């Protein structure tokens, strides 16, 4: 082998080693980025941060801590008419020697104690009368109420409490049984708990239809989705919500099939939809898009931690625009908006220079860096990204939908999964009603009791 051949072979080996080294360095960087992930730079939940979590947005407002002027507090207030009055008379002997027990006095002050009555189940016995016709001897009997269908059963308030604990407060079956035994001395069985949720699922069909109809009429709704384990498989929980209404449904798919199906409200909605940048939202529908700024800030933060200059500038621009738009509740002037758009596009041009070009792939799309992927989305969906700065109705984040979904994650932490699709569907419908009732400041337990009598605040809305 000649000297030139040896040099060429060594040069080839060096090139191969350099390529391997670069690949290894890229892989190490990706692994380090994964280890550095938290709720501020990825989609990981805040609960995974432990004690190191930080707020996503600037919290400094120049105001003192605590309740602000005009804030409606929850401090106990005296009632005009107490349920029970206990009188504490004066029985002292005056230093002059007079006994004050017989002296006429007046109420000088009063205090009220709010407490619970002793918990007890009230047993109501239903009896039907029987009569015999004196002429023909035929026996006639009265009728039990329709709801009283068994020799021994629990009443509507027990069913309402059980469903509220199971769905509204995510208590496991064992916890509900234990609490009921501790309070009332009666042990509920699992069938009673499941039966209560099944009954509410059937009774709330009309309420679910009303919620869907009301959401379609809204100017803006929030949409999101999250994976849930059902029957040992991955299913998807979808939510569409506003400040007054919440609608959940389970589907085996995450994308277009679920979003445009009969169970979704997006197929007939024509207002604004705030969502993350999941591509299926853009695939169909007749609605306008607004992207969640919090998601974008997290992705930009991850790039900033890896030294990206353009991501730092874009993060600063979005935060500044958020503050200038009165934290997403107002709209920028035409001049300020145009300046913001110009700056936005200039940062994207800088990103195009900073990010490495796509790497050709043998099959499928060219491989791109995470930064270039984000840059492409910011460019393609610029109108949706900056919608909050142009329209007052559009907020900066999709936090409303994420807050609505959070109880589902709590339920999964408690129970692990849903054993049947029917159980997940029951939870979705009942949770929709409970969340809607809370948003409209209704007393949930009272409304659950009304539902079993074919009444609810949602049906009242339909008649007004």
Protein backbone atom coordinates (compact mmCIF):
# COMPACT_ATOMS: atom_id res chain seq x y z
CA UNK A 1 0.00 0.00 0.00
CA UNK A 2 1.43 3.31 -1.06
CA UNK A 3 1.90 6.35 1.16
CA UNK A 4 -0.97 8.20 -0.56
CA UNK A 5 -3.30 5.24 -0.09
CA UNK A 6 -2.46 5.07 3.62
CA UNK A 7 -3.09 8.81 4.00
CA UNK A 8 -6.42 8.49 2.15
CA UNK A 9 -7.47 5.56 4.32
CA UNK A 10 -6.56 7.41 7.52
CA UNK A 11 -8.40 10.51 6.31
CA UNK A 12 -11.50 8.39 5.69
CA UNK A 13 -11.23 6.84 9.16
CA UNK A 14 -10.83 10.29 10.71
CA UNK A 15 -13.93 11.54 8.86
CA UNK A 16 -15.91 8.51 10.04
CA UNK A 17 -14.73 9.05 13.62
CA UNK A 18 -15.65 12.73 13.44
CA UNK A 19 -19.11 11.82 12.16
CA UNK A 20 -19.52 9.26 14.94
CA UNK A 21 -18.34 11.82 17.49
CA UNK A 22 -20.83 14.41 16.23
CA UNK A 23 -23.65 11.86 16.37
CA UNK A 24 -22.64 10.90 19.90
CA UNK A 25 -22.48 14.56 20.96
CA UNK A 26 -25.94 15.18 19.50
CA UNK A 27 -27.28 12.15 21.35
CA UNK A 28 -25.67 13.26 24.62
CA UNK A 29 -27.17 16.75 24.16
CA UNK A 30 -30.62 15.24 23.56
CA UNK A 31 -30.34 13.05 26.67
CA UNK A 32 -29.14 15.99 28.77
CA UNK A 33 -32.09 18.03 27.46
CA UNK A 34 -34.47 15.26 28.51
CA UNK A 35 -32.96 15.18 32.00
CA UNK A 36 -33.33 18.96 32.23
CA UNK A 37 -37.03 18.89 31.30
CA UNK A 38 -39.51 20.39 33.73
CA UNK A 39 -42.90 22.09 33.54
CA UNK A 40 -41.29 25.37 32.39
CA UNK A 41 -39.58 23.95 29.29
CA UNK A 42 -41.75 20.98 28.31
CA UNK A 43 -45.23 19.51 28.61
CA UNK A 44 -44.39 17.75 31.86
CA UNK A 45 -46.87 18.54 34.67
CA UNK A 46 -45.90 20.95 37.48
CA UNK A 47 -46.23 18.11 40.01
CA UNK A 48 -43.07 16.55 38.50
CA UNK A 49 -40.98 19.58 39.50
CA UNK A 50 -41.11 18.91 43.22
CA UNK A 51 -40.14 21.93 45.31
CA UNK A 52 -38.24 23.61 42.46
CA UNK A 53 -41.22 24.67 40.35
CA UNK A 54 -41.47 28.32 39.35
CA UNK A 55 -44.33 30.43 37.97
CA UNK A 56 -44.63 30.50 34.17
CA UNK A 57 -45.37 34.24 33.99
CA UNK A 58 -44.06 37.28 35.82
CA UNK A 59 -45.98 37.60 39.08
CA UNK A 60 -44.77 41.02 40.19
CA UNK A 61 -47.73 43.41 40.14
CA UNK A 62 -46.63 46.05 42.64
CA UNK A 63 -49.51 45.10 44.93
CA UNK A 64 -49.32 43.93 48.51
CA UNK A 65 -49.93 40.28 49.28
CA UNK A 66 -53.37 39.11 50.34
CA UNK A 67 -56.86 40.16 49.35
CA UNK A 68 -57.12 43.28 47.20
CA UNK A 69 -59.69 46.09 47.60
CA UNK A 70 -63.06 44.89 46.37
CA UNK A 71 -62.15 41.21 46.83
CA UNK A 72 -65.10 39.17 48.04
CA UNK A 73 -63.96 37.16 51.03
CA UNK A 74 -65.30 33.93 52.45
CA UNK A 75 -65.24 34.87 56.13
CA UNK A 76 -68.20 33.57 58.15
CA UNK A 77 -70.90 36.16 58.64
CA UNK A 78 -73.65 36.14 61.27
CA UNK A 79 -77.11 35.10 60.09
CA UNK A 80 -80.25 37.05 60.97
CA UNK A 81 -82.09 34.03 62.37
CA UNK A 82 -80.19 31.26 64.15
CA UNK A 83 -81.49 27.69 64.20
CA UNK A 84 -81.00 27.46 67.96
CA UNK A 85 -80.55 30.13 70.64
CA UNK A 86 -78.94 29.42 74.00
CA UNK A 87 -79.38 32.12 76.63
CA UNK A 88 -76.65 32.71 79.22
CA UNK A 89 -78.12 34.74 82.14
CA UNK A 90 -76.31 36.83 84.71
CA UNK A 91 -76.26 35.09 88.10
CA UNK A 92 -73.58 37.17 89.76
CA UNK A 93 -73.87 38.88 93.14
CA UNK A 94 -73.12 42.60 92.97
CA UNK A 95 -70.28 43.85 95.26
CA UNK A 96 -72.95 45.86 97.11
CA UNK A 97 -74.63 42.61 98.13
CA UNK A 98 -77.60 42.52 95.75
CA UNK A 99 -78.37 39.26 93.91
CA UNK A 100 -78.87 39.99 90.19
CA UNK A 101 -80.77 36.85 89.26
CA UNK A 102 -84.17 38.57 89.48
CA UNK A 103 -83.08 41.87 87.91
CA UNK A 104 -84.45 42.54 84.40
CA UNK A 105 -81.65 42.61 81.82
CA UNK A 106 -81.11 42.90 78.06
CA UNK A 107 -78.97 41.19 75.43
CA UNK A 108 -75.58 42.93 75.44
CA UNK A 109 -73.83 40.94 72.71
CA UNK A 110 -74.06 37.66 70.84
CA UNK A 111 -71.86 35.09 69.15
CA UNK A 112 -72.76 32.40 66.63
CA UNK A 113 -71.26 28.95 66.17
CA UNK A 114 -71.61 27.16 62.82
CA UNK A 115 -71.45 23.39 63.24
CA UNK A 116 -72.74 20.16 61.72
CA UNK A 117 -75.71 18.28 63.12
CA UNK A 118 -75.07 14.71 64.29
CA UNK A 119 -74.85 12.66 61.06
CA UNK A 120 -77.63 10.10 60.73
CA UNK A 121 -79.58 8.36 58.00
CA UNK A 122 -83.30 9.13 58.07
CA UNK A 123 -85.31 5.99 57.33
CA UNK A 124 -88.62 6.64 55.57
CA UNK A 125 -91.06 3.72 55.44
CA UNK A 126 -93.57 3.59 52.60
CA UNK A 127 -96.78 1.66 53.19
CA UNK A 128 -99.51 1.00 50.66
CA UNK A 129 -103.10 0.51 51.65
CA UNK A 130 -105.22 -2.46 50.57
CA UNK A 131 -109.00 -2.46 50.29
CA UNK A 132 -111.60 -5.05 49.37
CA UNK A 133 -114.65 -4.03 47.34
CA UNK A 134 -117.74 -4.79 49.49
CA UNK A 135 -119.83 -5.68 46.42
CA UNK A 136 -117.59 -7.91 44.28
CA UNK A 137 -114.76 -8.72 46.70
CA UNK A 138 -111.98 -7.49 44.37
CA UNK A 139 -108.79 -6.46 46.18
CA UNK A 140 -107.41 -2.96 45.45
CA UNK A 141 -103.98 -1.68 46.54
CA UNK A 142 -102.24 1.69 46.50
CA UNK A 143 -99.05 2.32 44.50
CA UNK A 144 -95.52 2.87 45.71
CA UNK A 145 -93.73 5.94 44.29
CA UNK A 146 -91.86 5.13 41.08
CA UNK A 147 -88.49 5.75 42.72
CA UNK A 148 -89.25 3.28 45.52
CA UNK A 149 -88.67 0.04 43.64
CA UNK A 150 -87.10 -2.31 46.22
CA UNK A 151 -87.97 -3.51 49.74
CA UNK A 152 -84.85 -1.70 51.07
CA UNK A 153 -82.86 0.94 49.20
CA UNK A 154 -80.91 4.16 49.55
CA UNK A 155 -82.56 7.48 48.69
CA UNK A 156 -81.70 10.30 46.33
CA UNK A 157 -79.50 12.24 48.75
CA UNK A 158 -77.33 9.18 49.38
CA UNK A 159 -76.97 8.65 45.64
CA UNK A 160 -76.09 12.33 45.18
CA UNK A 161 -73.46 12.19 47.93
CA UNK A 162 -71.94 8.99 46.57
CA UNK A 163 -71.67 10.36 43.02
CA UNK A 164 -70.28 13.69 44.27
CA UNK A 165 -67.55 11.92 46.24
CA UNK A 166 -66.74 9.52 43.40
CA UNK A 167 -66.70 11.98 40.49
CA UNK A 168 -66.60 15.44 42.03
CA UNK A 169 -63.87 14.62 44.56
CA UNK A 170 -62.24 11.58 42.90
CA UNK A 171 -62.51 9.36 45.96
CA UNK A 172 -61.89 5.63 45.39
CA UNK A 173 -64.63 3.11 46.12
CA UNK A 174 -62.90 1.95 49.30
CA UNK A 175 -62.60 5.53 50.56
CA UNK A 176 -66.30 6.23 49.97
CA UNK A 177 -67.29 3.03 51.77
CA UNK A 178 -65.04 3.89 54.71
CA UNK A 179 -66.30 7.47 54.98
CA UNK A 180 -69.94 6.36 54.82
CA UNK A 181 -69.34 3.79 57.57
CA UNK A 182 -67.54 6.34 59.75
CA UNK A 183 -70.33 8.91 59.38
CA UNK A 184 -73.48 6.82 59.40
CA UNK A 185 -72.57 3.34 60.58
CA UNK A 186 -73.77 1.70 57.35
CA UNK A 187 -71.40 -0.04 54.93
CA UNK A 188 -72.05 0.75 51.28
CA UNK A 189 -71.19 -1.92 48.74
CA UNK A 190 -69.46 -1.32 45.41
CA UNK A 191 -72.63 -2.06 43.42
CA UNK A 192 -74.43 0.81 45.17
CA UNK A 193 -71.67 3.26 44.23
CA UNK A 194 -71.51 2.07 40.62
CA UNK A 195 -75.29 2.03 40.44
CA UNK A 196 -75.48 5.67 41.54
CA UNK A 197 -73.06 6.74 38.80
CA UNK A 198 -74.94 4.68 36.21
CA UNK A 199 -78.21 6.31 37.23
CA UNK A 200 -76.70 9.79 36.93
CA UNK A 201 -75.21 8.94 33.54
CA UNK A 202 -78.68 8.11 32.27
CA UNK A 203 -80.36 11.09 33.95
CA UNK A 204 -77.81 13.63 32.69
CA UNK A 205 -78.21 12.88 28.96
CA UNK A 206 -80.37 15.98 28.47
CA UNK A 207 -77.97 18.15 30.51
CA UNK A 208 -75.05 17.00 28.35
CA UNK A 209 -76.96 17.97 25.21
CA UNK A 210 -77.69 21.42 26.69
CA UNK A 211 -74.01 21.94 27.56
CA UNK A 212 -72.93 21.03 24.02
CA UNK A 213 -75.56 23.34 22.52
CA UNK A 214 -74.48 26.24 24.76
CA UNK A 215 -70.80 25.74 23.92
CA UNK A 216 -71.54 25.88 20.20
CA UNK A 217 -73.13 29.30 20.79
CA UNK A 218 -70.07 30.69 22.62
CA UNK A 219 -67.70 33.16 20.94
CA UNK A 220 -64.63 31.32 22.24
CA UNK A 221 -63.95 27.90 23.71
CA UNK A 222 -60.84 26.13 24.96
CA UNK A 223 -59.95 22.66 23.68
CA UNK A 224 -57.44 20.09 24.87
CA UNK A 225 -56.88 16.35 25.07
CA UNK A 226 -55.03 13.96 27.35
CA UNK A 227 -54.32 10.24 27.38
CA UNK A 228 -56.21 7.94 29.76
CA UNK A 229 -55.91 4.20 30.36
CA UNK A 230 -59.19 2.40 29.68
CA UNK A 231 -59.49 -1.39 29.61
CA UNK A 232 -55.70 -1.60 29.53
CA UNK A 233 -55.43 0.49 26.36
CA UNK A 234 -54.64 4.11 25.58
CA UNK A 235 -57.74 6.22 25.02
CA UNK A 236 -58.07 9.99 24.82
CA UNK A 237 -60.05 12.39 26.94
CA UNK A 238 -61.19 15.46 25.00
CA UNK A 239 -62.48 18.66 26.57
CA UNK A 240 -64.22 21.72 25.18
CA UNK A 241 -64.91 24.40 27.73
CA UNK A 242 -65.72 28.03 28.35
CA UNK A 243 -65.93 30.13 31.50
CA UNK A 244 -69.49 28.81 32.08
CA UNK A 245 -69.65 25.35 30.51
CA UNK A 246 -67.50 22.20 30.40
CA UNK A 247 -67.91 19.20 28.13
CA UNK A 248 -65.81 16.01 28.31
CA UNK A 249 -65.89 12.95 26.11
CA UNK A 250 -63.74 9.85 25.71
CA UNK A 251 -62.56 8.60 22.34
CA UNK A 252 -60.24 5.88 21.12
CA UNK A 253 -58.45 8.38 18.88
CA UNK A 254 -56.68 11.65 19.54
CA UNK A 255 -56.81 13.30 16.14
CA UNK A 256 -59.19 14.30 13.39
CA UNK A 257 -61.56 11.36 13.77
CA UNK A 258 -62.27 12.36 17.37
CA UNK A 259 -62.32 16.14 16.81
CA UNK A 260 -64.77 15.98 13.90
CA UNK A 261 -66.95 13.14 15.16
CA UNK A 262 -70.53 13.39 16.42
CA UNK A 263 -69.44 13.58 20.05
CA UNK A 264 -67.29 16.67 19.45
CA UNK A 265 -68.63 20.23 19.47
CA UNK A 266 -65.86 21.47 17.16
CA UNK A 267 -67.52 20.04 14.05
CA UNK A 268 -70.30 22.68 14.28
CA UNK A 269 -68.46 25.49 16.09
CA UNK A 270 -67.56 28.69 14.23
CA UNK A 271 -65.97 30.94 16.87
CA UNK A 272 -62.46 31.04 18.34
CA UNK A 273 -60.81 27.85 19.62
CA UNK A 274 -57.77 28.13 21.89
CA UNK A 275 -55.59 25.01 21.69
CA UNK A 276 -52.04 23.77 21.54
CA UNK A 277 -50.44 23.26 18.14
CA UNK A 278 -51.71 19.69 17.63
CA UNK A 279 -52.00 19.46 13.84
CA UNK A 280 -55.42 17.77 13.87
CA UNK A 281 -57.05 21.01 15.05
CA UNK A 282 -55.99 22.64 11.78
CA UNK A 283 -57.17 19.76 9.59
CA UNK A 284 -60.87 20.63 9.58
CA UNK A 285 -63.58 22.67 11.22
CA UNK A 286 -64.92 26.12 10.50
CA UNK A 287 -63.46 27.84 13.56
CA UNK A 288 -60.67 30.38 14.08
CA UNK A 289 -57.46 29.30 15.76
CA UNK A 290 -55.60 30.78 18.72
CA UNK A 291 -52.49 29.04 20.04
CA UNK A 292 -51.64 28.67 23.71
CA UNK A 293 -48.85 31.08 24.61
CA UNK A 294 -47.82 29.05 27.66
CA UNK A 295 -46.96 26.05 25.46
CA UNK A 296 -44.84 28.23 23.20
CA UNK A 297 -43.01 29.83 26.13
CA UNK A 298 -42.11 26.38 27.47
CA UNK A 299 -40.68 25.30 24.13
CA UNK A 300 -38.73 28.54 23.82
CA UNK A 301 -37.36 28.12 27.34
CA UNK A 302 -36.02 24.67 26.44
CA UNK A 303 -34.14 26.23 23.48
CA UNK A 304 -32.88 29.12 25.60
CA UNK A 305 -31.35 26.64 28.04
CA UNK A 306 -29.40 25.21 25.11
CA UNK A 307 -28.05 28.65 24.13
CA UNK A 308 -30.49 29.78 21.43
CA UNK A 309 -30.35 33.53 20.82
CA UNK A 310 -33.46 33.80 18.65
CA UNK A 311 -35.52 31.85 21.21
CA UNK A 312 -34.46 34.35 23.91
CA UNK A 313 -35.66 37.26 21.77
CA UNK A 314 -38.94 35.55 20.84
CA UNK A 315 -39.60 34.68 24.50
CA UNK A 316 -39.02 38.33 25.48
CA UNK A 317 -41.27 39.55 22.65
CA UNK A 318 -44.18 37.27 23.64
CA UNK A 319 -43.90 38.24 27.31
CA UNK A 320 -43.74 41.94 26.43
CA UNK A 321 -46.77 41.60 24.13
CA UNK A 322 -48.62 39.69 26.85
CA UNK A 323 -48.02 42.53 29.32
CA UNK A 324 -48.82 45.22 26.75
CA UNK A 325 -52.17 43.56 25.99
CA UNK A 326 -53.13 43.82 29.68
CA UNK A 327 -52.12 40.18 30.23
CA UNK A 328 -54.19 38.93 27.34
CA UNK A 329 -57.38 40.79 28.24
CA UNK A 330 -56.96 43.71 25.85
CA UNK A 331 -55.81 44.42 22.30
CA UNK A 332 -52.82 46.32 20.98
CA UNK A 333 -53.24 49.47 18.94
CA UNK A 334 -52.82 49.07 15.17
CA UNK A 335 -49.43 50.78 15.28
CA UNK A 336 -48.13 48.69 18.19
CA UNK A 337 -49.43 45.52 16.59
CA UNK A 338 -47.63 46.25 13.34
CA UNK A 339 -44.40 46.92 15.23
CA UNK A 340 -44.82 43.63 17.08
CA UNK A 341 -45.40 41.72 13.83
CA UNK A 342 -42.32 43.30 12.24
CA UNK A 343 -40.20 42.33 15.22
CA UNK A 344 -41.74 38.83 15.20
CA UNK A 345 -40.79 38.28 11.55
CA UNK A 346 -37.28 39.66 12.08
CA UNK A 347 -36.70 37.13 14.87
CA UNK A 348 -37.90 34.32 12.59
CA UNK A 349 -35.36 35.42 9.96
CA UNK A 350 -32.66 35.28 12.62
CA UNK A 351 -33.90 31.81 13.64
CA UNK A 352 -33.53 30.64 10.05
CA UNK A 353 -29.88 31.71 10.15
CA UNK A 354 -29.20 30.16 13.58
CA UNK A 355 -30.88 26.79 13.17
CA UNK A 356 -29.05 24.05 11.22
CA UNK A 357 -30.57 23.21 7.83
CA UNK A 358 -32.74 20.07 7.47
CA UNK A 359 -30.90 16.78 7.00
CA UNK A 360 -32.14 14.74 4.01
CA UNK A 361 -33.80 11.47 4.99
CA UNK A 362 -34.04 8.29 2.94
CA UNK A 363 -37.69 7.86 3.86
CA UNK A 364 -40.20 10.35 5.23
CA UNK A 365 -39.62 14.00 5.99
CA UNK A 366 -36.22 15.59 6.31
CA UNK A 367 -34.84 15.55 9.84
CA UNK A 368 -34.92 18.96 11.54
CA UNK A 369 -33.80 20.33 14.89
CA UNK A 370 -36.43 21.10 17.51
CA UNK A 371 -35.62 24.76 17.08
CA UNK A 372 -36.32 24.68 13.34
CA UNK A 373 -39.54 22.76 13.91
CA UNK A 374 -40.70 25.43 16.35
CA UNK A 375 -39.58 28.18 13.99
CA UNK A 376 -41.66 26.65 11.17
CA UNK A 377 -44.75 26.48 13.39
CA UNK A 378 -44.32 30.07 14.56
CA UNK A 379 -44.03 31.15 10.95
CA UNK A 380 -46.93 29.08 9.62
CA UNK A 381 -49.34 29.97 12.45
CA UNK A 382 -48.28 33.57 13.11
CA UNK A 383 -51.89 34.81 13.07
CA UNK A 384 -52.94 32.20 15.65
CA UNK A 385 -49.91 32.94 17.86
CA UNK A 386 -50.63 36.68 18.00
CA UNK A 387 -54.44 36.47 18.06
CA UNK A 388 -54.45 37.36 21.78
CA UNK A 389 -52.81 40.70 20.97
CA UNK A 390 -55.37 41.61 18.32
CA UNK A 391 -58.71 40.41 19.74
CA UNK A 392 -59.90 41.08 23.29
CA UNK A 393 -61.94 37.87 23.41
CA UNK A 394 -58.81 35.72 22.89
CA UNK A 395 -56.71 34.93 26.01
CA UNK A 396 -52.97 34.29 26.02
CA UNK A 397 -53.10 30.72 27.32
CA UNK A 398 -55.19 27.58 27.21
CA UNK A 399 -55.04 27.25 30.99
CA UNK A 400 -58.83 26.96 31.35
CA UNK A 401 -58.92 23.65 29.44
CA UNK A 402 -55.84 22.40 31.28
CA UNK A 403 -57.44 23.19 34.65
CA UNK A 404 -60.60 21.37 33.57
CA UNK A 405 -58.60 18.27 32.61
CA UNK A 406 -56.52 18.20 35.80
CA UNK A 407 -59.14 16.36 37.94
CA UNK A 408 -59.01 13.49 35.44
CA UNK A 409 -55.29 13.09 36.10
CA UNK A 410 -56.02 13.10 39.82
CA UNK A 411 -58.63 10.37 39.27
CA UNK A 412 -56.07 8.27 37.40
CA UNK A 413 -53.51 8.74 40.17
CA UNK A 414 -56.10 7.51 42.66
CA UNK A 415 -57.56 4.64 40.65
CA UNK A 416 -54.86 3.89 38.07
CA UNK A 417 -57.25 3.48 35.14
CA UNK A 418 -60.85 2.99 34.10
CA UNK A 419 -61.69 -0.69 33.90
CA UNK A 420 -64.39 -0.21 31.24
CA UNK A 421 -65.25 2.31 28.54
CA UNK A 422 -68.70 2.60 30.13
CA UNK A 423 -67.08 3.69 33.41
CA UNK A 424 -64.98 6.33 31.64
CA UNK A 425 -68.04 7.61 29.76
CA UNK A 426 -70.04 7.82 33.00
CA UNK A 427 -67.28 9.80 34.65
CA UNK A 428 -67.05 12.16 31.64
CA UNK A 429 -70.75 13.04 31.58
CA UNK A 430 -71.12 13.47 35.34
CA UNK A 431 -67.88 15.47 35.54
CA UNK A 432 -69.13 17.76 32.75
CA UNK A 433 -72.23 18.55 34.80
CA UNK A 434 -70.34 19.06 38.08
CA UNK A 435 -67.71 21.32 36.47
CA UNK A 436 -70.42 23.38 34.76
CA UNK A 437 -72.36 23.72 38.02
CA UNK A 438 -69.25 24.97 39.84
CA UNK A 439 -68.47 27.48 37.10
CA UNK A 440 -71.98 28.87 37.45
CA UNK A 441 -71.61 28.96 41.26
CA UNK A 442 -74.34 26.41 41.89
CA UNK A 443 -74.52 24.22 44.98
CA UNK A 444 -73.46 20.93 43.40
CA UNK A 445 -75.02 18.56 45.94
CA UNK A 446 -78.38 20.30 45.69
CA UNK A 447 -78.23 20.20 41.88
CA UNK A 448 -77.40 16.50 41.89
CA UNK A 449 -80.47 15.90 44.06
CA UNK A 450 -82.62 17.90 41.62
CA UNK A 451 -81.38 15.86 38.66
CA UNK A 452 -83.02 12.72 40.02
CA UNK A 453 -86.34 14.60 39.91
CA UNK A 454 -85.81 15.59 36.26
CA UNK A 455 -84.77 19.12 37.22
CA UNK A 456 -81.53 21.12 37.03
CA UNK A 457 -80.21 24.65 36.57
CA UNK A 458 -79.39 23.76 32.95
CA UNK A 459 -83.01 22.88 32.21
CA UNK A 460 -84.01 26.12 33.91
CA UNK A 461 -81.74 27.96 31.42
CA UNK A 462 -83.63 26.40 28.54
CA UNK A 463 -86.94 27.77 29.79
CA UNK A 464 -85.74 31.35 30.37
